[in-house]
């Protein structure tokens, strides 16, 4: 994908969203007690391989970093993204570090 994706933080739906061609990919979030829970990510098949999932992850994790939030990645996609990108691993909440195989 040549142009940057426009990721929007939708406060009403509690999702980071990317809309392309009438379809929306999203990463749900819940803000709770100084943490951002990331429970679910949906990327429609038409978006696969276009960097949409990565853009959603970067937006969510970037928001968490900017606001001093620990991240609780209960979504397998988000957990996998964090495992593949060590620059985000310092954000992982202590309760989730062991399940991701990260040092305490």
N, C-alpha and C. Protein backbone atom coordinates (compact mmCIF):
# COMPACT_ATOMS: atom_id res chain seq x y z
N UNK A 1 0.86 -1.16 0.00
CA UNK A 1 0.00 0.00 0.00
C UNK A 1 0.90 1.22 0.00
N UNK A 2 0.74 2.11 -0.96
CA UNK A 2 1.67 3.20 -1.13
C UNK A 2 1.39 4.38 -0.20
N UNK A 3 0.15 4.75 -0.02
CA UNK A 3 -0.12 5.89 0.86
C UNK A 3 -0.38 5.41 2.29
N UNK A 4 -0.04 6.25 3.27
CA UNK A 4 -0.25 5.85 4.67
C UNK A 4 -1.74 5.62 4.95
N UNK A 5 -1.99 4.66 5.80
CA UNK A 5 -3.37 4.36 6.19
C UNK A 5 -3.85 5.37 7.23
N UNK A 6 -5.10 5.74 7.13
CA UNK A 6 -5.69 6.68 8.08
C UNK A 6 -6.37 5.88 9.19
N UNK A 7 -5.70 5.79 10.33
CA UNK A 7 -6.27 5.08 11.48
C UNK A 7 -6.95 6.11 12.38
N UNK A 8 -8.21 5.85 12.70
CA UNK A 8 -9.00 6.75 13.51
C UNK A 8 -9.31 6.08 14.85
N UNK A 9 -9.14 6.83 15.93
CA UNK A 9 -9.55 6.34 17.25
C UNK A 9 -11.00 6.77 17.44
N UNK A 10 -11.90 5.80 17.46
CA UNK A 10 -13.33 6.06 17.58
C UNK A 10 -13.73 5.87 19.04
N UNK A 11 -13.90 6.97 19.76
CA UNK A 11 -14.25 6.92 21.18
C UNK A 11 -15.63 6.30 21.42
N UNK A 12 -16.54 6.46 20.46
CA UNK A 12 -17.90 5.94 20.63
C UNK A 12 -17.94 4.41 20.60
N UNK A 13 -17.14 3.81 19.72
CA UNK A 13 -17.15 2.35 19.60
C UNK A 13 -16.01 1.70 20.37
N UNK A 14 -15.09 2.52 20.91
CA UNK A 14 -13.89 2.02 21.60
C UNK A 14 -13.07 1.14 20.66
N UNK A 15 -12.81 1.71 19.47
CA UNK A 15 -12.04 0.98 18.48
C UNK A 15 -11.09 1.93 17.74
N UNK A 16 -9.95 1.39 17.34
CA UNK A 16 -9.10 2.04 16.36
C UNK A 16 -9.58 1.46 15.04
N UNK A 17 -9.82 2.31 14.04
CA UNK A 17 -10.46 1.86 12.81
C UNK A 17 -9.73 2.35 11.56
N UNK A 18 -9.77 1.50 10.52
CA UNK A 18 -9.31 1.86 9.19
C UNK A 18 -10.44 1.47 8.25
N UNK A 19 -10.88 2.41 7.43
CA UNK A 19 -11.94 2.13 6.47
C UNK A 19 -11.37 2.26 5.07
N UNK A 20 -11.58 1.21 4.28
CA UNK A 20 -11.14 1.19 2.88
C UNK A 20 -12.26 0.57 2.05
N UNK A 21 -12.63 1.23 0.99
CA UNK A 21 -13.62 0.67 0.07
C UNK A 21 -14.92 0.26 0.75
N UNK A 22 -15.35 0.99 1.74
CA UNK A 22 -16.61 0.70 2.41
C UNK A 22 -16.53 -0.37 3.49
N UNK A 23 -15.37 -0.96 3.70
CA UNK A 23 -15.20 -1.95 4.77
C UNK A 23 -14.33 -1.35 5.87
N UNK A 24 -14.53 -1.84 7.09
CA UNK A 24 -13.77 -1.31 8.23
C UNK A 24 -13.04 -2.43 8.95
N UNK A 25 -11.75 -2.22 9.16
CA UNK A 25 -10.93 -3.08 10.01
C UNK A 25 -10.82 -2.35 11.34
N UNK A 26 -10.74 -3.11 12.44
CA UNK A 26 -10.68 -2.44 13.73
C UNK A 26 -9.96 -3.26 14.78
N UNK A 27 -9.48 -2.52 15.78
CA UNK A 27 -8.91 -3.11 16.98
C UNK A 27 -9.68 -2.51 18.15
N UNK A 28 -10.38 -3.35 18.89
CA UNK A 28 -11.14 -2.88 20.04
C UNK A 28 -10.19 -2.59 21.19
N UNK A 29 -10.59 -1.64 22.03
CA UNK A 29 -9.82 -1.33 23.23
C UNK A 29 -10.76 -1.00 24.38
N UNK A 30 -10.24 -1.22 25.59
CA UNK A 30 -10.93 -0.83 26.82
C UNK A 30 -9.88 -0.16 27.70
N UNK A 31 -10.18 1.05 28.14
CA UNK A 31 -9.27 1.74 29.06
C UNK A 31 -9.77 1.49 30.47
N UNK A 32 -8.88 0.96 31.33
CA UNK A 32 -9.30 0.58 32.67
C UNK A 32 -8.11 0.62 33.63
N UNK A 33 -8.22 1.40 34.68
CA UNK A 33 -7.20 1.46 35.74
C UNK A 33 -5.78 1.64 35.21
N UNK A 34 -5.58 2.61 34.35
CA UNK A 34 -4.24 2.90 33.85
C UNK A 34 -3.72 1.91 32.83
N UNK A 35 -4.62 1.11 32.27
CA UNK A 35 -4.20 0.13 31.28
C UNK A 35 -5.13 0.18 30.07
N UNK A 36 -4.60 -0.29 28.95
CA UNK A 36 -5.38 -0.45 27.73
C UNK A 36 -5.48 -1.94 27.44
N UNK A 37 -6.69 -2.47 27.55
CA UNK A 37 -6.95 -3.87 27.21
C UNK A 37 -7.24 -3.90 25.72
N UNK A 38 -6.59 -4.82 25.00
CA UNK A 38 -6.80 -4.99 23.56
C UNK A 38 -7.40 -6.39 23.34
N UNK A 39 -8.75 -6.49 23.37
CA UNK A 39 -9.38 -7.81 23.36
C UNK A 39 -9.65 -8.42 21.99
N UNK A 40 -9.73 -7.60 20.93
CA UNK A 40 -10.21 -8.16 19.67
C UNK A 40 -9.78 -7.28 18.49
N UNK A 41 -9.31 -7.92 17.44
CA UNK A 41 -8.94 -7.22 16.21
C UNK A 41 -9.61 -7.93 15.04
N UNK A 42 -10.18 -7.16 14.12
CA UNK A 42 -10.81 -7.72 12.93
C UNK A 42 -10.24 -7.02 11.70
N UNK A 43 -9.69 -7.82 10.80
CA UNK A 43 -9.20 -7.31 9.52
C UNK A 43 -9.89 -8.12 8.43
N UNK A 44 -10.80 -7.50 7.67
CA UNK A 44 -11.49 -8.22 6.61
C UNK A 44 -10.50 -8.81 5.59
N UNK A 45 -10.85 -9.94 4.99
CA UNK A 45 -9.96 -10.59 4.03
C UNK A 45 -9.45 -9.66 2.92
N UNK A 46 -10.26 -8.72 2.48
CA UNK A 46 -9.85 -7.80 1.42
C UNK A 46 -8.68 -6.92 1.84
N UNK A 47 -8.46 -6.75 3.16
CA UNK A 47 -7.39 -5.89 3.66
C UNK A 47 -6.09 -6.65 3.91
N UNK A 48 -6.15 -7.98 3.93
CA UNK A 48 -4.98 -8.77 4.32
C UNK A 48 -3.81 -8.50 3.39
N UNK A 49 -2.62 -8.41 3.98
CA UNK A 49 -1.41 -8.17 3.22
C UNK A 49 -1.18 -6.72 2.85
N UNK A 50 -2.01 -5.83 3.36
CA UNK A 50 -1.88 -4.40 3.03
C UNK A 50 -1.38 -3.57 4.20
N UNK A 51 -0.98 -4.22 5.28
CA UNK A 51 -0.44 -3.50 6.43
C UNK A 51 -1.49 -2.91 7.35
N UNK A 52 -2.75 -3.29 7.15
CA UNK A 52 -3.82 -2.71 7.95
C UNK A 52 -3.73 -3.14 9.41
N UNK A 53 -3.51 -4.43 9.65
CA UNK A 53 -3.37 -4.92 11.02
C UNK A 53 -2.21 -4.25 11.74
N UNK A 54 -1.09 -4.12 11.05
CA UNK A 54 0.07 -3.45 11.64
C UNK A 54 -0.22 -2.00 11.95
N UNK A 55 -0.94 -1.32 11.06
CA UNK A 55 -1.28 0.08 11.29
C UNK A 55 -2.18 0.22 12.51
N UNK A 56 -3.13 -0.70 12.67
CA UNK A 56 -4.01 -0.68 13.85
C UNK A 56 -3.19 -0.90 15.12
N UNK A 57 -2.29 -1.86 15.08
CA UNK A 57 -1.46 -2.16 16.25
C UNK A 57 -0.59 -0.95 16.62
N UNK A 58 0.05 -0.35 15.62
CA UNK A 58 0.92 0.81 15.88
C UNK A 58 0.12 1.96 16.47
N UNK A 59 -1.09 2.18 15.96
CA UNK A 59 -1.92 3.27 16.48
C UNK A 59 -2.31 3.02 17.94
N UNK A 60 -2.75 1.81 18.23
CA UNK A 60 -3.17 1.48 19.60
C UNK A 60 -1.99 1.54 20.56
N UNK A 61 -0.89 0.93 20.17
CA UNK A 61 0.28 0.91 21.05
C UNK A 61 0.90 2.30 21.19
N UNK A 62 0.87 3.08 20.12
CA UNK A 62 1.37 4.44 20.18
C UNK A 62 0.54 5.30 21.14
N UNK A 63 -0.78 5.10 21.09
CA UNK A 63 -1.66 5.82 22.01
C UNK A 63 -1.33 5.43 23.46
N UNK A 64 -1.17 4.13 23.69
CA UNK A 64 -0.84 3.66 25.04
C UNK A 64 0.46 4.30 25.52
N UNK A 65 1.47 4.32 24.67
CA UNK A 65 2.76 4.90 25.06
C UNK A 65 2.61 6.39 25.36
N UNK A 66 1.93 7.11 24.50
CA UNK A 66 1.75 8.56 24.67
C UNK A 66 1.01 8.90 25.96
N UNK A 67 0.13 8.01 26.40
CA UNK A 67 -0.69 8.28 27.58
C UNK A 67 -0.26 7.51 28.83
N UNK A 68 0.91 6.88 28.76
CA UNK A 68 1.45 6.19 29.93
C UNK A 68 0.62 4.99 30.38
N UNK A 69 0.01 4.30 29.41
CA UNK A 69 -0.83 3.16 29.73
C UNK A 69 -0.08 1.85 29.55
N UNK A 70 -0.27 0.92 30.47
CA UNK A 70 0.22 -0.44 30.28
C UNK A 70 -0.75 -1.14 29.33
N UNK A 71 -0.26 -2.12 28.59
CA UNK A 71 -1.08 -2.81 27.59
C UNK A 71 -1.36 -4.24 28.04
N UNK A 72 -2.62 -4.64 27.90
CA UNK A 72 -3.04 -6.01 28.19
C UNK A 72 -3.56 -6.62 26.88
N UNK A 73 -2.67 -7.27 26.11
CA UNK A 73 -3.06 -7.79 24.80
C UNK A 73 -3.70 -9.18 24.90
N UNK A 74 -5.01 -9.22 25.12
CA UNK A 74 -5.69 -10.52 25.17
C UNK A 74 -6.05 -11.02 23.77
N UNK A 75 -5.98 -10.16 22.77
CA UNK A 75 -6.21 -10.53 21.38
C UNK A 75 -4.95 -11.24 20.84
N UNK A 76 -5.10 -12.42 20.24
CA UNK A 76 -3.94 -13.14 19.71
C UNK A 76 -3.15 -12.33 18.67
N UNK A 77 -3.85 -11.57 17.84
CA UNK A 77 -3.13 -10.76 16.84
C UNK A 77 -2.24 -9.73 17.52
N UNK A 78 -2.80 -9.00 18.49
CA UNK A 78 -2.03 -7.96 19.18
C UNK A 78 -0.87 -8.57 19.96
N UNK A 79 -1.12 -9.69 20.63
CA UNK A 79 -0.04 -10.35 21.37
C UNK A 79 1.08 -10.77 20.41
N UNK A 80 0.70 -11.34 19.27
CA UNK A 80 1.69 -11.75 18.28
C UNK A 80 2.46 -10.57 17.72
N UNK A 81 1.76 -9.48 17.47
CA UNK A 81 2.42 -8.28 16.94
C UNK A 81 3.47 -7.79 17.94
N UNK A 82 3.10 -7.72 19.20
CA UNK A 82 4.04 -7.27 20.22
C UNK A 82 5.23 -8.21 20.32
N UNK A 83 5.00 -9.49 20.21
CA UNK A 83 6.10 -10.45 20.28
C UNK A 83 7.07 -10.28 19.11
N UNK A 84 6.56 -9.92 17.94
CA UNK A 84 7.41 -9.72 16.75
C UNK A 84 8.08 -8.35 16.72
N UNK A 85 7.63 -7.43 17.58
CA UNK A 85 8.16 -6.07 17.57
C UNK A 85 8.59 -5.68 18.99
N UNK A 86 9.83 -6.00 19.34
CA UNK A 86 10.32 -5.78 20.70
C UNK A 86 10.23 -4.34 21.19
N UNK A 87 10.16 -3.39 20.27
CA UNK A 87 10.08 -1.98 20.69
C UNK A 87 8.80 -1.66 21.45
N UNK A 88 7.81 -2.54 21.40
CA UNK A 88 6.55 -2.34 22.13
C UNK A 88 6.45 -3.17 23.40
N UNK A 89 7.37 -4.07 23.63
CA UNK A 89 7.25 -5.03 24.72
C UNK A 89 7.31 -4.39 26.10
N UNK A 90 7.93 -3.23 26.21
CA UNK A 90 8.00 -2.56 27.52
C UNK A 90 6.63 -2.08 27.98
N UNK A 91 5.66 -2.00 27.08
CA UNK A 91 4.31 -1.55 27.43
C UNK A 91 3.45 -2.63 28.06
N UNK A 92 3.85 -3.88 27.90
CA UNK A 92 3.02 -4.99 28.36
C UNK A 92 2.87 -4.99 29.87
N UNK A 93 1.63 -5.02 30.31
CA UNK A 93 1.29 -5.03 31.74
C UNK A 93 1.92 -6.25 32.40
N UNK A 94 2.35 -6.09 33.65
CA UNK A 94 3.02 -7.19 34.38
C UNK A 94 2.19 -8.47 34.42
N UNK A 95 0.87 -8.35 34.46
CA UNK A 95 0.01 -9.53 34.51
C UNK A 95 0.02 -10.33 33.20
N UNK A 96 0.50 -9.73 32.11
CA UNK A 96 0.50 -10.38 30.80
C UNK A 96 1.89 -10.78 30.34
N UNK A 97 2.91 -10.35 31.05
CA UNK A 97 4.28 -10.60 30.60
C UNK A 97 4.61 -12.10 30.55
N UNK A 98 4.24 -12.84 31.58
CA UNK A 98 4.59 -14.25 31.61
C UNK A 98 3.90 -15.02 30.48
N UNK A 99 2.64 -14.74 30.23
CA UNK A 99 1.93 -15.48 29.18
C UNK A 99 2.48 -15.18 27.80
N UNK A 100 3.17 -14.03 27.64
CA UNK A 100 3.81 -13.73 26.37
C UNK A 100 5.28 -14.15 26.34
N UNK A 101 5.73 -14.73 27.46
CA UNK A 101 7.11 -15.19 27.53
C UNK A 101 8.11 -14.07 27.71
N UNK A 102 7.66 -12.96 28.29
CA UNK A 102 8.54 -11.82 28.52
C UNK A 102 9.02 -11.83 29.96
N UNK A 103 10.23 -11.29 30.16
CA UNK A 103 10.77 -11.21 31.51
C UNK A 103 9.91 -10.26 32.33
N UNK A 104 9.82 -10.54 33.61
CA UNK A 104 9.00 -9.70 34.51
C UNK A 104 9.58 -8.34 34.72
